[in-house]
């Protein structure tokens, strides 16, 4: 663990910057990984989610320290039930048509559309065709701050990284509506 350290105020407000090295995820490699999506465990609720993970982050999920980029794929007729989380998500539709319901509001989407899922908004996906979406989130920031909170379908409690470390569940905040 190491010895405790002391930092003076001037060092605290000007910490050293630890930038990530530039990295490229090649399209052919992404396509190869997406092809493996036929085998999805049941607990994924139909979600095929491929996160672009920067190797310098170790076991902390993320494309960078504060953001992640993921490819989401559902087949026609599949459905991701309502769920919510403490991070914001921006979705770009690459292919397919369908709709997403966000806090009761239906958003119909098609290739080229971009839409926003606000933090802690109930949302569910309904593809009418096989689709591929790109999601950009600020989820890793919440992981780093130990404030990531997720509520999946049918759960009576919400999960958080901090609560799971203590083997505890948090009370459910009321849903909108």
N, C-alpha and C. Protein backbone atom coordinates (compact mmCIF):
# COMPACT_ATOMS: atom_id res chain seq x y z
N UNK A 1 0.82 -1.18 0.00
CA UNK A 1 0.00 0.00 0.00
C UNK A 1 0.87 1.25 0.00
N UNK A 2 1.97 1.24 0.66
CA UNK A 2 2.86 2.39 0.64
C UNK A 2 2.64 3.33 1.81
N UNK A 3 3.55 4.24 1.95
CA UNK A 3 3.47 5.22 3.02
C UNK A 3 2.55 6.37 2.64
N UNK A 4 1.89 6.98 3.65
CA UNK A 4 1.07 8.16 3.35
C UNK A 4 1.93 9.28 2.79
N UNK A 5 1.34 10.09 1.94
CA UNK A 5 2.06 11.22 1.36
C UNK A 5 1.35 12.51 1.72
N UNK A 6 2.08 13.60 1.64
CA UNK A 6 1.53 14.91 1.91
C UNK A 6 1.74 15.79 0.69
N UNK A 7 0.71 16.53 0.31
CA UNK A 7 0.79 17.39 -0.86
C UNK A 7 0.38 18.80 -0.44
N UNK A 8 1.16 19.77 -0.84
CA UNK A 8 0.85 21.16 -0.53
C UNK A 8 -0.20 21.68 -1.51
N UNK A 9 -0.87 22.75 -1.14
CA UNK A 9 -1.98 23.29 -1.94
C UNK A 9 -1.58 23.55 -3.38
N UNK A 10 -0.46 24.16 -3.63
CA UNK A 10 -0.04 24.46 -5.00
C UNK A 10 0.09 23.22 -5.86
N UNK A 11 0.55 22.12 -5.27
CA UNK A 11 0.65 20.86 -6.02
C UNK A 11 -0.73 20.24 -6.23
N UNK A 12 -1.61 20.48 -5.27
CA UNK A 12 -2.95 19.91 -5.35
C UNK A 12 -3.74 20.50 -6.52
N UNK A 13 -3.60 21.80 -6.74
CA UNK A 13 -4.39 22.43 -7.81
C UNK A 13 -3.68 22.35 -9.16
N UNK A 14 -2.45 21.89 -9.19
CA UNK A 14 -1.72 21.70 -10.44
C UNK A 14 -1.10 20.30 -10.47
N UNK A 15 -1.96 19.26 -10.43
CA UNK A 15 -1.41 17.90 -10.43
C UNK A 15 -0.80 17.57 -11.78
N UNK A 16 0.12 16.62 -11.80
CA UNK A 16 0.68 16.22 -13.10
C UNK A 16 -0.42 15.60 -13.96
N UNK A 17 -0.35 15.86 -15.24
CA UNK A 17 -1.33 15.31 -16.17
C UNK A 17 -0.80 13.98 -16.69
N UNK A 18 -1.65 12.98 -16.64
CA UNK A 18 -1.28 11.66 -17.16
C UNK A 18 -2.17 11.36 -18.36
N UNK A 19 -1.72 11.81 -19.49
CA UNK A 19 -2.49 11.59 -20.70
C UNK A 19 -2.37 10.14 -21.15
N UNK A 20 -3.43 9.67 -21.80
CA UNK A 20 -3.38 8.36 -22.43
C UNK A 20 -2.65 8.48 -23.75
N UNK A 21 -2.01 7.42 -24.15
CA UNK A 21 -1.38 7.39 -25.47
C UNK A 21 -2.48 7.32 -26.53
N UNK A 22 -2.28 7.97 -27.67
CA UNK A 22 -3.24 7.83 -28.77
C UNK A 22 -3.38 6.35 -29.15
N UNK A 23 -4.57 5.98 -29.55
CA UNK A 23 -4.84 4.59 -29.87
C UNK A 23 -5.92 4.54 -30.94
N UNK A 24 -5.84 3.58 -31.82
CA UNK A 24 -6.87 3.40 -32.84
C UNK A 24 -7.44 1.99 -32.74
N UNK A 25 -8.75 1.90 -32.80
CA UNK A 25 -9.43 0.63 -32.90
C UNK A 25 -9.79 0.47 -34.37
N UNK A 26 -9.21 -0.49 -35.04
CA UNK A 26 -9.42 -0.66 -36.47
C UNK A 26 -10.81 -1.25 -36.75
N UNK A 27 -11.43 -0.75 -37.81
CA UNK A 27 -12.76 -1.19 -38.18
C UNK A 27 -12.86 -2.69 -38.38
N UNK A 28 -11.84 -3.29 -38.98
CA UNK A 28 -11.88 -4.74 -39.21
C UNK A 28 -11.86 -5.51 -37.89
N UNK A 29 -11.14 -4.98 -36.89
CA UNK A 29 -11.11 -5.63 -35.57
C UNK A 29 -12.45 -5.48 -34.86
N UNK A 30 -13.04 -4.31 -34.97
CA UNK A 30 -14.36 -4.08 -34.37
C UNK A 30 -15.37 -5.02 -35.02
N UNK A 31 -15.34 -5.13 -36.36
CA UNK A 31 -16.27 -6.00 -37.08
C UNK A 31 -16.10 -7.45 -36.64
N UNK A 32 -14.86 -7.89 -36.45
CA UNK A 32 -14.61 -9.27 -36.02
C UNK A 32 -15.22 -9.52 -34.62
N UNK A 33 -15.08 -8.55 -33.74
CA UNK A 33 -15.65 -8.69 -32.39
C UNK A 33 -17.18 -8.67 -32.44
N UNK A 34 -17.73 -7.79 -33.29
CA UNK A 34 -19.19 -7.72 -33.41
C UNK A 34 -19.76 -9.03 -33.95
N UNK A 35 -19.00 -9.72 -34.80
CA UNK A 35 -19.46 -11.01 -35.35
C UNK A 35 -19.64 -12.07 -34.26
N UNK A 36 -19.01 -11.90 -33.13
CA UNK A 36 -19.12 -12.86 -32.02
C UNK A 36 -20.39 -12.67 -31.20
N UNK A 37 -21.21 -11.70 -31.57
CA UNK A 37 -22.37 -11.33 -30.76
C UNK A 37 -23.52 -12.33 -30.79
N UNK A 38 -23.41 -13.41 -31.52
CA UNK A 38 -24.50 -14.38 -31.51
C UNK A 38 -24.58 -15.11 -30.17
N UNK A 39 -23.49 -15.12 -29.42
CA UNK A 39 -23.46 -15.80 -28.13
C UNK A 39 -23.51 -14.75 -27.03
N UNK A 40 -24.71 -14.48 -26.52
CA UNK A 40 -24.89 -13.46 -25.48
C UNK A 40 -25.54 -14.11 -24.27
N UNK A 41 -24.91 -14.02 -23.10
CA UNK A 41 -25.52 -14.61 -21.90
C UNK A 41 -26.90 -14.01 -21.63
N UNK A 42 -27.78 -14.80 -21.06
CA UNK A 42 -29.16 -14.37 -20.81
C UNK A 42 -29.23 -13.13 -19.92
N UNK A 43 -28.33 -13.01 -18.94
CA UNK A 43 -28.40 -11.88 -18.02
C UNK A 43 -28.07 -10.54 -18.68
N UNK A 44 -27.64 -10.56 -19.94
CA UNK A 44 -27.41 -9.30 -20.67
C UNK A 44 -28.72 -8.67 -21.13
N UNK A 45 -29.84 -9.36 -20.92
CA UNK A 45 -31.16 -8.87 -21.36
C UNK A 45 -31.16 -8.54 -22.85
N UNK A 46 -30.52 -9.38 -23.66
CA UNK A 46 -30.50 -9.17 -25.10
C UNK A 46 -29.47 -8.18 -25.59
N UNK A 47 -28.78 -7.52 -24.69
CA UNK A 47 -27.81 -6.50 -25.10
C UNK A 47 -26.52 -7.11 -25.60
N UNK A 48 -26.11 -6.66 -26.74
CA UNK A 48 -24.80 -6.98 -27.28
C UNK A 48 -24.04 -5.67 -27.26
N UNK A 49 -23.16 -5.54 -26.30
CA UNK A 49 -22.50 -4.27 -26.03
C UNK A 49 -21.00 -4.47 -26.07
N UNK A 50 -20.34 -3.84 -27.02
CA UNK A 50 -18.89 -3.96 -27.19
C UNK A 50 -18.26 -2.61 -26.86
N UNK A 51 -17.56 -2.53 -25.72
CA UNK A 51 -16.92 -1.29 -25.27
C UNK A 51 -15.50 -1.24 -25.80
N UNK A 52 -15.10 -0.08 -26.31
CA UNK A 52 -13.72 0.12 -26.73
C UNK A 52 -12.91 0.47 -25.48
N UNK A 53 -12.09 -0.45 -25.04
CA UNK A 53 -11.36 -0.35 -23.79
C UNK A 53 -9.91 0.05 -24.04
N UNK A 54 -9.46 1.13 -23.41
CA UNK A 54 -8.05 1.54 -23.53
C UNK A 54 -7.21 0.66 -22.61
N UNK A 55 -6.19 -0.02 -23.12
CA UNK A 55 -5.42 -0.95 -22.30
C UNK A 55 -4.69 -0.29 -21.13
N UNK A 56 -4.38 0.99 -21.24
CA UNK A 56 -3.67 1.68 -20.15
C UNK A 56 -4.55 1.85 -18.91
N UNK A 57 -5.86 1.66 -19.05
CA UNK A 57 -6.77 1.84 -17.92
C UNK A 57 -6.88 0.59 -17.06
N UNK A 58 -6.22 -0.49 -17.48
CA UNK A 58 -6.26 -1.71 -16.69
C UNK A 58 -7.66 -2.28 -16.63
N UNK A 59 -8.12 -2.58 -15.41
CA UNK A 59 -9.44 -3.19 -15.27
C UNK A 59 -10.55 -2.16 -15.08
N UNK A 60 -10.22 -0.87 -15.20
CA UNK A 60 -11.24 0.17 -15.13
C UNK A 60 -11.86 0.33 -16.51
N UNK A 61 -13.16 0.06 -16.66
CA UNK A 61 -13.75 0.13 -18.00
C UNK A 61 -13.77 1.54 -18.56
N UNK A 62 -13.36 1.69 -19.79
CA UNK A 62 -13.42 2.99 -20.42
C UNK A 62 -12.55 3.10 -21.65
N UNK A 63 -12.97 3.97 -22.54
CA UNK A 63 -12.18 4.30 -23.71
C UNK A 63 -11.17 5.38 -23.33
N UNK A 64 -11.56 6.21 -22.37
CA UNK A 64 -10.66 7.18 -21.74
C UNK A 64 -10.99 7.19 -20.25
N UNK A 65 -10.33 8.06 -19.51
CA UNK A 65 -10.58 8.11 -18.07
C UNK A 65 -12.00 8.56 -17.73
N UNK A 66 -12.65 9.30 -18.62
CA UNK A 66 -13.95 9.87 -18.30
C UNK A 66 -15.07 9.48 -19.27
N UNK A 67 -14.76 8.77 -20.33
CA UNK A 67 -15.77 8.44 -21.34
C UNK A 67 -15.58 7.02 -21.84
N UNK A 68 -16.66 6.46 -22.36
CA UNK A 68 -16.49 5.23 -23.11
C UNK A 68 -17.36 5.25 -24.35
N UNK A 69 -16.87 4.53 -25.34
CA UNK A 69 -17.56 4.36 -26.61
C UNK A 69 -17.90 2.88 -26.71
N UNK A 70 -19.14 2.59 -27.05
CA UNK A 70 -19.57 1.21 -27.16
C UNK A 70 -20.43 1.03 -28.40
N UNK A 71 -20.36 -0.14 -28.98
CA UNK A 71 -21.24 -0.53 -30.07
C UNK A 71 -22.34 -1.39 -29.46
N UNK A 72 -23.59 -1.07 -29.78
CA UNK A 72 -24.74 -1.81 -29.27
C UNK A 72 -25.46 -2.46 -30.44
N UNK A 73 -25.81 -3.72 -30.28
CA UNK A 73 -26.50 -4.42 -31.36
C UNK A 73 -27.66 -5.22 -30.78
N UNK A 74 -28.82 -5.05 -31.38
CA UNK A 74 -29.98 -5.89 -31.08
C UNK A 74 -30.54 -6.38 -32.40
N UNK A 75 -31.13 -7.57 -32.37
CA UNK A 75 -31.77 -8.10 -33.56
C UNK A 75 -33.23 -7.66 -33.59
N UNK A 76 -33.80 -7.65 -34.79
CA UNK A 76 -35.20 -7.26 -34.95
C UNK A 76 -36.08 -8.06 -34.00
N UNK A 77 -36.98 -7.36 -33.32
CA UNK A 77 -37.91 -8.01 -32.42
C UNK A 77 -37.38 -8.20 -31.00
N UNK A 78 -36.08 -8.07 -30.79
CA UNK A 78 -35.55 -8.15 -29.43
C UNK A 78 -35.88 -6.85 -28.71
N UNK A 79 -35.80 -6.88 -27.41
CA UNK A 79 -36.20 -5.73 -26.62
C UNK A 79 -35.31 -5.65 -25.39
N UNK A 80 -34.79 -4.48 -25.10
CA UNK A 80 -34.10 -4.26 -23.83
C UNK A 80 -35.10 -3.58 -22.91
N UNK A 81 -35.49 -4.24 -21.82
CA UNK A 81 -36.48 -3.67 -20.91
C UNK A 81 -36.01 -2.38 -20.25
N UNK A 82 -36.94 -1.63 -19.66
CA UNK A 82 -36.57 -0.36 -19.03
C UNK A 82 -35.49 -0.55 -17.96
N UNK A 83 -34.51 0.31 -18.01
CA UNK A 83 -33.43 0.34 -17.03
C UNK A 83 -32.94 1.77 -16.95
N UNK A 84 -32.08 2.06 -15.99
CA UNK A 84 -31.56 3.42 -15.86
C UNK A 84 -30.21 3.37 -15.16
N UNK A 85 -29.47 4.46 -15.34
CA UNK A 85 -28.14 4.56 -14.75
C UNK A 85 -27.78 6.02 -14.55
N UNK A 86 -26.76 6.25 -13.74
CA UNK A 86 -26.40 7.61 -13.34
C UNK A 86 -25.62 8.37 -14.40
N UNK A 87 -25.24 7.73 -15.48
CA UNK A 87 -24.49 8.43 -16.53
C UNK A 87 -25.38 8.78 -17.72
N UNK A 88 -24.94 9.76 -18.47
CA UNK A 88 -25.62 10.23 -19.68
C UNK A 88 -25.09 9.43 -20.87
N UNK A 89 -25.95 9.18 -21.84
CA UNK A 89 -25.56 8.44 -23.05
C UNK A 89 -26.01 9.20 -24.29
N UNK A 90 -25.12 9.31 -25.25
CA UNK A 90 -25.44 9.86 -26.57
C UNK A 90 -25.36 8.69 -27.55
N UNK A 91 -26.42 8.50 -28.32
CA UNK A 91 -26.51 7.38 -29.26
C UNK A 91 -26.45 7.88 -30.69
N UNK A 92 -25.63 7.23 -31.52
CA UNK A 92 -25.59 7.47 -32.96
C UNK A 92 -26.03 6.19 -33.64
N UNK A 93 -27.02 6.28 -34.53
CA UNK A 93 -27.55 5.11 -35.21
C UNK A 93 -26.76 4.87 -36.50
N UNK A 94 -26.09 3.73 -36.56
CA UNK A 94 -25.33 3.37 -37.77
C UNK A 94 -26.23 2.67 -38.78
N UNK A 95 -26.99 1.65 -38.30
CA UNK A 95 -27.90 0.95 -39.21
C UNK A 95 -29.11 0.45 -38.44
N UNK A 96 -30.19 0.26 -39.18
CA UNK A 96 -31.42 -0.25 -38.61
C UNK A 96 -32.38 0.86 -38.22
N UNK A 97 -33.62 0.45 -38.01
CA UNK A 97 -34.66 1.38 -37.57
C UNK A 97 -35.31 0.80 -36.32
N UNK A 98 -35.85 1.70 -35.52
CA UNK A 98 -36.53 1.26 -34.31
C UNK A 98 -36.94 2.46 -33.49
N UNK A 99 -37.18 2.22 -32.22
CA UNK A 99 -37.49 3.33 -31.34
C UNK A 99 -36.97 3.04 -29.94
N UNK A 100 -36.76 4.10 -29.21
CA UNK A 100 -36.34 4.04 -27.82
C UNK A 100 -37.36 4.84 -27.02
N UNK A 101 -37.77 4.29 -25.91
CA UNK A 101 -38.67 5.02 -25.02
C UNK A 101 -37.85 5.52 -23.85
N UNK A 102 -37.85 6.85 -23.66
CA UNK A 102 -37.06 7.48 -22.61
C UNK A 102 -38.02 8.25 -21.70
N UNK A 103 -38.12 7.81 -20.46
CA UNK A 103 -39.06 8.41 -19.50
C UNK A 103 -40.45 8.61 -20.12
N UNK A 104 -40.91 7.58 -20.82
CA UNK A 104 -42.25 7.59 -21.40
C UNK A 104 -42.37 8.25 -22.76
N UNK A 105 -41.31 8.89 -23.25
CA UNK A 105 -41.36 9.57 -24.55
C UNK A 105 -40.74 8.66 -25.62
N UNK A 106 -41.48 8.43 -26.68
CA UNK A 106 -41.00 7.58 -27.77
C UNK A 106 -40.18 8.40 -28.76
N UNK A 107 -38.98 7.90 -29.05
CA UNK A 107 -38.11 8.50 -30.08
C UNK A 107 -37.90 7.47 -31.17
N UNK A 108 -38.41 7.73 -32.37
CA UNK A 108 -38.18 6.85 -33.52
C UNK A 108 -36.84 7.23 -34.15
N UNK A 109 -36.05 6.19 -34.49
CA UNK A 109 -34.73 6.47 -35.04
C UNK A 109 -34.45 5.64 -36.29
N UNK A 110 -33.51 6.16 -37.07
CA UNK A 110 -33.06 5.52 -38.31
C UNK A 110 -31.60 5.89 -38.51
N UNK A 111 -30.93 5.28 -39.49
CA UNK A 111 -29.50 5.55 -39.70
C UNK A 111 -29.21 7.05 -39.82
N UNK A 112 -28.16 7.48 -39.14
CA UNK A 112 -27.73 8.87 -39.16
C UNK A 112 -28.28 9.70 -38.01
N UNK A 113 -29.30 9.20 -37.30
CA UNK A 113 -29.87 9.95 -36.18
C UNK A 113 -28.96 9.88 -34.96
N UNK A 114 -29.04 10.92 -34.14
CA UNK A 114 -28.33 11.00 -32.86
C UNK A 114 -29.37 11.38 -31.81
N UNK A 115 -29.35 10.69 -30.67
CA UNK A 115 -30.26 11.08 -29.60
C UNK A 115 -29.58 10.96 -28.25
N UNK A 116 -30.17 11.62 -27.26
CA UNK A 116 -29.61 11.72 -25.92
C UNK A 116 -30.48 10.96 -24.93
N UNK A 117 -29.84 10.18 -24.08
CA UNK A 117 -30.50 9.55 -22.94
C UNK A 117 -29.94 10.24 -21.70
N UNK A 118 -30.75 11.09 -21.04
CA UNK A 118 -30.25 11.80 -19.86
C UNK A 118 -29.93 10.84 -18.71
N UNK A 119 -29.09 11.29 -17.82
CA UNK A 119 -28.76 10.50 -16.63
C UNK A 119 -30.03 10.17 -15.85
N UNK A 120 -30.11 8.95 -15.38
CA UNK A 120 -31.16 8.42 -14.53
C UNK A 120 -32.53 8.39 -15.19
N UNK A 121 -32.57 8.46 -16.52
CA UNK A 121 -33.84 8.35 -17.24
C UNK A 121 -34.12 6.88 -17.53
N UNK A 122 -35.34 6.43 -17.25
CA UNK A 122 -35.74 5.08 -17.66
C UNK A 122 -35.69 5.04 -19.18
N UNK A 123 -35.12 3.98 -19.72
CA UNK A 123 -35.09 3.85 -21.18
C UNK A 123 -35.08 2.39 -21.59
N UNK A 124 -35.66 2.14 -22.75
CA UNK A 124 -35.73 0.80 -23.31
C UNK A 124 -35.62 0.89 -24.83
N UNK A 125 -35.06 -0.15 -25.43
CA UNK A 125 -34.80 -0.18 -26.87
C UNK A 125 -35.73 -1.17 -27.55
N UNK A 126 -36.27 -0.76 -28.72
CA UNK A 126 -37.16 -1.59 -29.52
C UNK A 126 -36.71 -1.52 -30.98
N UNK A 127 -35.81 -2.39 -31.41
CA UNK A 127 -35.41 -2.36 -32.82
C UNK A 127 -36.48 -3.02 -33.70
N UNK A 128 -36.77 -2.38 -34.82
CA UNK A 128 -37.69 -2.96 -35.79
C UNK A 128 -36.91 -3.74 -36.86
N UNK A 129 -35.62 -3.49 -36.92
CA UNK A 129 -34.70 -4.19 -37.82
C UNK A 129 -33.43 -4.46 -37.02
N UNK A 130 -32.62 -5.43 -37.49
CA UNK A 130 -31.31 -5.57 -36.86
C UNK A 130 -30.65 -4.20 -36.90
N UNK A 131 -30.04 -3.81 -35.82
CA UNK A 131 -29.47 -2.47 -35.79
C UNK A 131 -28.09 -2.47 -35.14
N UNK A 132 -27.37 -1.40 -35.40
CA UNK A 132 -26.07 -1.16 -34.79
C UNK A 132 -26.04 0.30 -34.38
N UNK A 133 -25.80 0.53 -33.09
CA UNK A 133 -25.73 1.87 -32.54
C UNK A 133 -24.35 2.09 -31.95
N UNK A 134 -23.92 3.33 -31.91
CA UNK A 134 -22.72 3.70 -31.16
C UNK A 134 -23.17 4.54 -29.99
N UNK A 135 -22.74 4.16 -28.80
CA UNK A 135 -23.08 4.90 -27.59
C UNK A 135 -21.81 5.53 -27.02
N UNK A 136 -21.90 6.81 -26.69
CA UNK A 136 -20.82 7.51 -26.01
C UNK A 136 -21.37 7.93 -24.65
N UNK A 137 -20.69 7.53 -23.58
CA UNK A 137 -21.18 7.85 -22.24
C UNK A 137 -20.06 8.45 -21.39
N UNK A 138 -20.48 9.03 -20.29
CA UNK A 138 -19.53 9.51 -19.29
C UNK A 138 -19.47 8.53 -18.11
N UNK A 139 -19.82 7.27 -18.36
CA UNK A 139 -19.82 6.25 -17.33
C UNK A 139 -18.51 6.10 -16.56
N UNK A 140 -17.36 6.08 -17.25
CA UNK A 140 -16.10 5.93 -16.50
C UNK A 140 -15.86 7.02 -15.46
N UNK A 141 -16.35 8.21 -15.70
CA UNK A 141 -16.21 9.27 -14.71
C UNK A 141 -16.93 8.86 -13.42
N UNK A 142 -18.11 8.27 -13.55
CA UNK A 142 -18.86 7.83 -12.38
C UNK A 142 -18.17 6.66 -11.68
N UNK A 143 -17.53 5.79 -12.47
CA UNK A 143 -16.76 4.70 -11.87
C UNK A 143 -15.63 5.28 -11.04
N UNK A 144 -14.90 6.22 -11.61
CA UNK A 144 -13.77 6.84 -10.91
C UNK A 144 -14.22 7.55 -9.64
N UNK A 145 -15.36 8.22 -9.70
CA UNK A 145 -15.88 8.95 -8.53
C UNK A 145 -16.64 8.04 -7.56
N UNK A 146 -16.70 6.74 -7.90
CA UNK A 146 -17.41 5.75 -7.08
C UNK A 146 -18.88 6.13 -6.89
N UNK A 147 -19.46 6.66 -7.95
CA UNK A 147 -20.86 7.07 -7.89
C UNK A 147 -21.69 6.48 -9.02
N UNK A 148 -21.18 5.43 -9.66
CA UNK A 148 -21.93 4.75 -10.71
C UNK A 148 -23.09 4.01 -10.07
N UNK A 149 -24.29 4.28 -10.56
CA UNK A 149 -25.49 3.64 -10.04
C UNK A 149 -26.29 3.11 -11.23
N UNK A 150 -26.76 1.87 -11.11
CA UNK A 150 -27.50 1.21 -12.19
C UNK A 150 -28.70 0.49 -11.59
N UNK A 151 -29.83 0.59 -12.28
CA UNK A 151 -31.00 -0.21 -11.90
C UNK A 151 -31.46 -0.96 -13.14
N UNK A 152 -31.40 -2.29 -13.06
CA UNK A 152 -31.79 -3.15 -14.16
C UNK A 152 -33.26 -3.57 -13.98
N UNK A 153 -33.87 -4.12 -15.05
CA UNK A 153 -35.28 -4.53 -14.97
C UNK A 153 -35.50 -5.55 -13.86
N UNK A 154 -36.59 -5.36 -13.12
CA UNK A 154 -36.97 -6.32 -12.11
C UNK A 154 -36.18 -6.26 -10.82
N UNK A 155 -35.21 -5.38 -10.72
CA UNK A 155 -34.44 -5.28 -9.49
C UNK A 155 -35.17 -4.37 -8.50
N UNK A 156 -35.21 -4.79 -7.25
CA UNK A 156 -35.85 -3.99 -6.21
C UNK A 156 -34.88 -3.01 -5.57
N UNK A 157 -33.63 -3.08 -5.97
CA UNK A 157 -32.63 -2.16 -5.44
C UNK A 157 -31.75 -1.74 -6.59
N UNK A 158 -31.05 -0.67 -6.39
CA UNK A 158 -30.11 -0.22 -7.40
C UNK A 158 -28.73 -0.70 -7.01
N UNK A 159 -27.90 -0.92 -8.03
CA UNK A 159 -26.54 -1.37 -7.78
C UNK A 159 -25.60 -0.19 -7.92
N UNK A 160 -24.63 -0.15 -7.06
CA UNK A 160 -23.59 0.86 -7.19
C UNK A 160 -22.27 0.20 -6.87
N UNK A 161 -21.22 0.68 -7.49
CA UNK A 161 -19.89 0.12 -7.23
C UNK A 161 -19.54 0.24 -5.75
N UNK A 162 -19.82 1.38 -5.16
CA UNK A 162 -19.49 1.60 -3.75
C UNK A 162 -20.31 0.68 -2.85
N UNK A 163 -21.61 0.52 -3.14
CA UNK A 163 -22.45 -0.33 -2.30
C UNK A 163 -22.05 -1.80 -2.44
N UNK A 164 -21.70 -2.24 -3.65
CA UNK A 164 -21.33 -3.63 -3.85
C UNK A 164 -20.05 -3.98 -3.09
N UNK A 165 -19.15 -3.00 -2.95
CA UNK A 165 -17.95 -3.26 -2.16
C UNK A 165 -18.31 -3.55 -0.72
N UNK A 166 -19.38 -2.98 -0.23
CA UNK A 166 -19.81 -3.17 1.15
C UNK A 166 -20.93 -4.21 1.25
N UNK A 167 -21.24 -4.89 0.12
CA UNK A 167 -22.30 -5.90 0.08
C UNK A 167 -23.63 -5.31 0.53
N UNK A 168 -23.93 -4.12 0.06
CA UNK A 168 -25.17 -3.46 0.45
C UNK A 168 -25.90 -2.97 -0.79
N UNK A 169 -27.18 -2.77 -0.65
CA UNK A 169 -27.98 -2.19 -1.74
C UNK A 169 -28.50 -0.84 -1.27
N UNK A 170 -28.70 0.03 -2.21
CA UNK A 170 -29.22 1.35 -1.93
C UNK A 170 -30.73 1.36 -2.08
N UNK A 171 -31.44 2.21 -1.34
CA UNK A 171 -32.89 2.29 -1.55
C UNK A 171 -33.18 2.83 -2.95
N UNK A 172 -34.33 2.49 -3.46
CA UNK A 172 -34.70 2.91 -4.82
C UNK A 172 -35.27 4.31 -4.80
N UNK A 173 -34.66 5.25 -5.52
CA UNK A 173 -35.29 6.55 -5.69
C UNK A 173 -36.55 6.39 -6.54
N UNK A 174 -37.54 7.24 -6.37
CA UNK A 174 -38.77 7.08 -7.16
C UNK A 174 -38.52 7.26 -8.64
N UNK A 175 -39.22 6.46 -9.45
CA UNK A 175 -39.14 6.60 -10.91
C UNK A 175 -39.97 7.78 -11.34
N UNK A 176 -39.55 8.41 -12.44
CA UNK A 176 -40.31 9.53 -13.00
C UNK A 176 -41.67 9.03 -13.47
N UNK A 177 -42.64 9.91 -13.42
CA UNK A 177 -43.83 9.53 -14.09
C UNK A 177 -45.08 9.59 -13.39
